[in-house]
N, C-alpha and C. Protein backbone atom coordinates (compact mmCIF):
# COMPACT_ATOMS: atom_id res chain seq x y z
N MET A 1 2.24 10.86 -4.26
CA MET A 1 2.17 9.42 -4.14
C MET A 1 3.48 8.83 -4.59
N LYS A 2 4.00 7.91 -3.81
CA LYS A 2 5.26 7.26 -4.13
C LYS A 2 4.99 6.07 -5.04
N THR A 3 5.72 5.97 -6.11
CA THR A 3 5.54 4.89 -7.06
C THR A 3 6.39 3.69 -6.65
N PRO A 4 6.15 2.52 -7.25
CA PRO A 4 6.90 1.32 -6.87
C PRO A 4 8.42 1.48 -6.95
N ASP A 5 8.90 2.33 -7.84
CA ASP A 5 10.35 2.51 -7.97
C ASP A 5 10.87 3.66 -7.12
N GLY A 6 10.01 4.25 -6.29
CA GLY A 6 10.44 5.30 -5.39
C GLY A 6 10.40 6.70 -5.97
N ARG A 7 10.08 6.83 -7.25
CA ARG A 7 9.98 8.15 -7.87
C ARG A 7 8.57 8.71 -7.66
N ILE A 8 8.45 10.00 -7.76
CA ILE A 8 7.15 10.65 -7.65
C ILE A 8 6.64 10.88 -9.08
N GLN A 9 6.66 9.85 -9.87
CA GLN A 9 6.36 9.95 -11.29
C GLN A 9 4.89 10.18 -11.57
N ILE A 10 4.01 9.60 -10.79
CA ILE A 10 2.58 9.73 -11.06
C ILE A 10 2.16 11.19 -11.01
N LEU A 11 2.66 11.93 -10.05
CA LEU A 11 2.27 13.32 -9.90
C LEU A 11 2.81 14.19 -11.04
N ARG A 12 3.89 13.77 -11.68
CA ARG A 12 4.39 14.50 -12.84
C ARG A 12 3.43 14.37 -14.00
N GLY A 13 2.66 13.28 -14.03
CA GLY A 13 1.62 13.15 -15.03
C GLY A 13 1.91 12.24 -16.19
N ASP A 14 3.12 11.69 -16.33
CA ASP A 14 3.38 10.87 -17.51
C ASP A 14 2.60 9.57 -17.50
N ILE A 15 2.22 9.07 -16.36
CA ILE A 15 1.36 7.89 -16.29
C ILE A 15 -0.08 8.30 -16.04
N ILE A 16 -0.28 9.23 -15.16
CA ILE A 16 -1.65 9.58 -14.77
C ILE A 16 -2.47 10.11 -15.95
N ARG A 17 -1.82 10.77 -16.88
CA ARG A 17 -2.55 11.29 -18.05
C ARG A 17 -3.11 10.17 -18.91
N THR A 18 -2.55 8.98 -18.80
CA THR A 18 -3.03 7.85 -19.61
C THR A 18 -4.20 7.12 -18.96
N LEU A 19 -4.48 7.42 -17.70
CA LEU A 19 -5.52 6.69 -16.96
C LEU A 19 -6.91 7.22 -17.25
N LYS A 20 -7.87 6.32 -17.22
CA LYS A 20 -9.27 6.67 -17.35
C LYS A 20 -9.97 6.24 -16.06
N PRO A 21 -10.93 7.03 -15.57
CA PRO A 21 -11.65 6.63 -14.36
C PRO A 21 -12.33 5.27 -14.54
N SER A 22 -12.34 4.52 -13.46
CA SER A 22 -12.97 3.20 -13.47
C SER A 22 -14.49 3.36 -13.39
N GLY A 23 -15.18 2.24 -13.32
CA GLY A 23 -16.62 2.24 -13.14
C GLY A 23 -17.04 2.95 -11.86
N ARG A 24 -16.13 3.01 -10.89
CA ARG A 24 -16.40 3.72 -9.63
C ARG A 24 -16.13 5.20 -9.75
N GLY A 25 -15.62 5.61 -10.94
CA GLY A 25 -15.31 7.02 -11.14
C GLY A 25 -13.98 7.44 -10.54
N GLU A 26 -13.12 6.47 -10.22
CA GLU A 26 -11.83 6.76 -9.59
C GLU A 26 -10.68 6.26 -10.46
N LEU A 27 -9.51 6.88 -10.29
CA LEU A 27 -8.30 6.36 -10.91
C LEU A 27 -7.82 5.22 -10.02
N GLU A 28 -7.46 4.12 -10.63
CA GLU A 28 -7.12 2.91 -9.87
C GLU A 28 -5.63 2.64 -9.87
N ILE A 29 -5.10 2.28 -8.71
CA ILE A 29 -3.68 1.95 -8.58
C ILE A 29 -3.33 0.73 -9.45
N THR A 30 -4.28 -0.15 -9.68
CA THR A 30 -4.04 -1.31 -10.55
C THR A 30 -3.67 -0.84 -11.95
N ASP A 31 -4.31 0.21 -12.42
CA ASP A 31 -3.98 0.74 -13.74
C ASP A 31 -2.57 1.33 -13.77
N VAL A 32 -2.16 1.95 -12.67
CA VAL A 32 -0.78 2.44 -12.56
C VAL A 32 0.19 1.26 -12.62
N ASN A 33 -0.10 0.22 -11.84
CA ASN A 33 0.75 -0.97 -11.85
C ASN A 33 0.84 -1.57 -13.25
N ASN A 34 -0.30 -1.65 -13.94
CA ASN A 34 -0.31 -2.20 -15.30
C ASN A 34 0.52 -1.35 -16.25
N ALA A 35 0.53 -0.03 -16.05
CA ALA A 35 1.37 0.84 -16.89
C ALA A 35 2.85 0.51 -16.67
N TYR A 36 3.24 0.30 -15.42
CA TYR A 36 4.62 -0.10 -15.14
C TYR A 36 4.95 -1.45 -15.76
N ILE A 37 4.00 -2.38 -15.72
CA ILE A 37 4.23 -3.70 -16.33
C ILE A 37 4.43 -3.54 -17.84
N ARG A 38 3.59 -2.74 -18.49
CA ARG A 38 3.72 -2.53 -19.94
C ARG A 38 5.08 -1.92 -20.28
N ARG A 39 5.61 -1.08 -19.41
CA ARG A 39 6.92 -0.46 -19.64
C ARG A 39 8.08 -1.38 -19.23
N ASP A 40 7.74 -2.54 -18.70
CA ASP A 40 8.73 -3.49 -18.18
C ASP A 40 9.55 -2.85 -17.07
N GLU A 41 8.88 -2.03 -16.23
CA GLU A 41 9.54 -1.34 -15.12
C GLU A 41 8.97 -1.75 -13.77
N MET A 42 8.11 -2.74 -13.73
CA MET A 42 7.51 -3.17 -12.46
C MET A 42 8.46 -4.11 -11.75
N THR A 43 8.70 -3.82 -10.49
CA THR A 43 9.45 -4.74 -9.64
C THR A 43 8.57 -5.05 -8.44
N TRP A 44 8.88 -6.13 -7.76
CA TRP A 44 8.09 -6.52 -6.60
C TRP A 44 8.96 -7.25 -5.61
N GLU A 45 8.46 -7.33 -4.43
CA GLU A 45 9.17 -8.00 -3.34
C GLU A 45 8.12 -8.61 -2.42
N GLU A 46 8.34 -9.85 -2.02
CA GLU A 46 7.41 -10.50 -1.09
C GLU A 46 7.80 -10.14 0.33
N LEU A 47 6.82 -9.77 1.11
CA LEU A 47 7.04 -9.42 2.50
C LEU A 47 6.42 -10.47 3.39
N ASP A 48 6.97 -10.65 4.57
CA ASP A 48 6.38 -11.56 5.54
C ASP A 48 5.11 -10.93 6.10
N GLY A 49 4.23 -11.77 6.58
CA GLY A 49 3.02 -11.27 7.24
C GLY A 49 1.81 -11.39 6.36
N TRP A 50 0.89 -10.46 6.52
CA TRP A 50 -0.36 -10.51 5.79
C TRP A 50 -0.71 -9.11 5.30
N TRP A 51 -1.62 -9.07 4.37
CA TRP A 51 -2.16 -7.82 3.85
C TRP A 51 -3.65 -8.01 3.67
N THR A 52 -4.41 -6.99 3.91
CA THR A 52 -5.84 -7.03 3.64
C THR A 52 -6.30 -5.65 3.23
N ASP A 53 -7.33 -5.60 2.43
CA ASP A 53 -7.90 -4.33 2.01
C ASP A 53 -8.66 -3.71 3.17
N ALA A 54 -8.71 -2.41 3.21
CA ALA A 54 -9.46 -1.70 4.26
C ALA A 54 -10.24 -0.55 3.63
N GLY A 55 -10.79 -0.78 2.45
CA GLY A 55 -11.47 0.28 1.72
C GLY A 55 -12.94 0.43 2.01
N THR A 56 -13.50 -0.48 2.80
CA THR A 56 -14.91 -0.37 3.19
C THR A 56 -14.98 -0.47 4.71
N PHE A 57 -16.11 -0.12 5.27
CA PHE A 57 -16.25 -0.23 6.73
C PHE A 57 -16.06 -1.68 7.17
N GLU A 58 -16.63 -2.62 6.39
CA GLU A 58 -16.51 -4.03 6.75
C GLU A 58 -15.07 -4.52 6.67
N SER A 59 -14.36 -4.13 5.61
CA SER A 59 -12.97 -4.58 5.47
C SER A 59 -12.06 -3.87 6.48
N LEU A 60 -12.40 -2.65 6.85
CA LEU A 60 -11.62 -1.97 7.90
C LEU A 60 -11.80 -2.68 9.23
N LEU A 61 -13.01 -3.11 9.54
CA LEU A 61 -13.25 -3.89 10.75
C LEU A 61 -12.45 -5.18 10.71
N HIS A 62 -12.48 -5.86 9.56
CA HIS A 62 -11.72 -7.11 9.40
C HIS A 62 -10.22 -6.85 9.63
N ALA A 63 -9.69 -5.78 9.04
CA ALA A 63 -8.27 -5.44 9.21
C ALA A 63 -7.96 -5.14 10.67
N SER A 64 -8.84 -4.40 11.34
CA SER A 64 -8.63 -4.09 12.76
C SER A 64 -8.60 -5.36 13.60
N ASN A 65 -9.50 -6.28 13.29
CA ASN A 65 -9.53 -7.56 14.01
C ASN A 65 -8.26 -8.37 13.77
N LEU A 66 -7.76 -8.36 12.53
CA LEU A 66 -6.51 -9.07 12.23
C LEU A 66 -5.35 -8.48 13.03
N VAL A 67 -5.29 -7.17 13.11
CA VAL A 67 -4.22 -6.52 13.88
C VAL A 67 -4.32 -6.94 15.34
N ALA A 68 -5.52 -6.92 15.89
CA ALA A 68 -5.71 -7.30 17.29
C ALA A 68 -5.36 -8.77 17.53
N GLU A 69 -5.76 -9.64 16.61
CA GLU A 69 -5.54 -11.09 16.77
C GLU A 69 -4.07 -11.48 16.59
N THR A 70 -3.38 -10.83 15.67
CA THR A 70 -2.01 -11.23 15.35
C THR A 70 -0.96 -10.46 16.12
N GLY A 71 -1.38 -9.42 16.84
CA GLY A 71 -0.41 -8.61 17.57
C GLY A 71 0.42 -7.74 16.65
N ALA A 72 -0.08 -7.48 15.45
CA ALA A 72 0.67 -6.68 14.48
C ALA A 72 0.90 -5.26 14.98
N ASN A 73 0.15 -4.83 15.96
CA ASN A 73 0.31 -3.48 16.48
C ASN A 73 1.22 -3.43 17.70
N LYS A 74 1.84 -4.53 18.06
CA LYS A 74 2.72 -4.58 19.23
C LYS A 74 4.15 -4.29 18.81
N MET A 75 4.83 -3.50 19.62
CA MET A 75 6.24 -3.24 19.37
C MET A 75 7.05 -4.35 20.04
N ASN A 76 8.23 -4.63 19.49
CA ASN A 76 9.07 -5.63 20.14
C ASN A 76 9.69 -5.04 21.40
N THR A 77 10.20 -5.89 22.26
CA THR A 77 10.70 -5.46 23.57
C THR A 77 11.82 -4.45 23.44
N ALA A 78 12.74 -4.65 22.53
CA ALA A 78 13.87 -3.71 22.36
C ALA A 78 13.36 -2.33 21.99
N THR A 79 12.39 -2.26 21.12
CA THR A 79 11.85 -0.96 20.71
C THR A 79 11.14 -0.31 21.88
N GLU A 80 10.41 -1.10 22.66
CA GLU A 80 9.71 -0.55 23.83
C GLU A 80 10.70 0.02 24.82
N GLU A 81 11.82 -0.68 25.05
CA GLU A 81 12.82 -0.20 26.01
C GLU A 81 13.44 1.11 25.55
N VAL A 82 13.73 1.22 24.26
CA VAL A 82 14.31 2.45 23.73
C VAL A 82 13.31 3.58 23.91
N ALA A 83 12.04 3.32 23.60
CA ALA A 83 11.01 4.36 23.73
C ALA A 83 10.84 4.78 25.18
N THR A 84 10.90 3.81 26.09
CA THR A 84 10.70 4.09 27.52
C THR A 84 11.87 4.89 28.08
N ASN A 85 13.09 4.57 27.64
CA ASN A 85 14.29 5.21 28.19
C ASN A 85 14.68 6.49 27.46
N ALA A 86 13.92 6.86 26.46
CA ALA A 86 14.28 8.05 25.67
C ALA A 86 13.99 9.32 26.42
């Protein structure tokens, strides 16, 4: 898993060893983010567009509908031409 700073730090275990399973019995990425915040190592960047969760069947359907409605799955013309002429 790639961490926010691009290192593969979680798999080394220095953060993951501090995590406790949530009520769902899973390790949560929010807890990883909070560990970075406590270390004053969290950075962020705002991206254009939208984001939605897709962790349930209902939210996956919602995400699929958003992609279809917004054209998020469409390539731009220049990319299509390069792909076609390759």
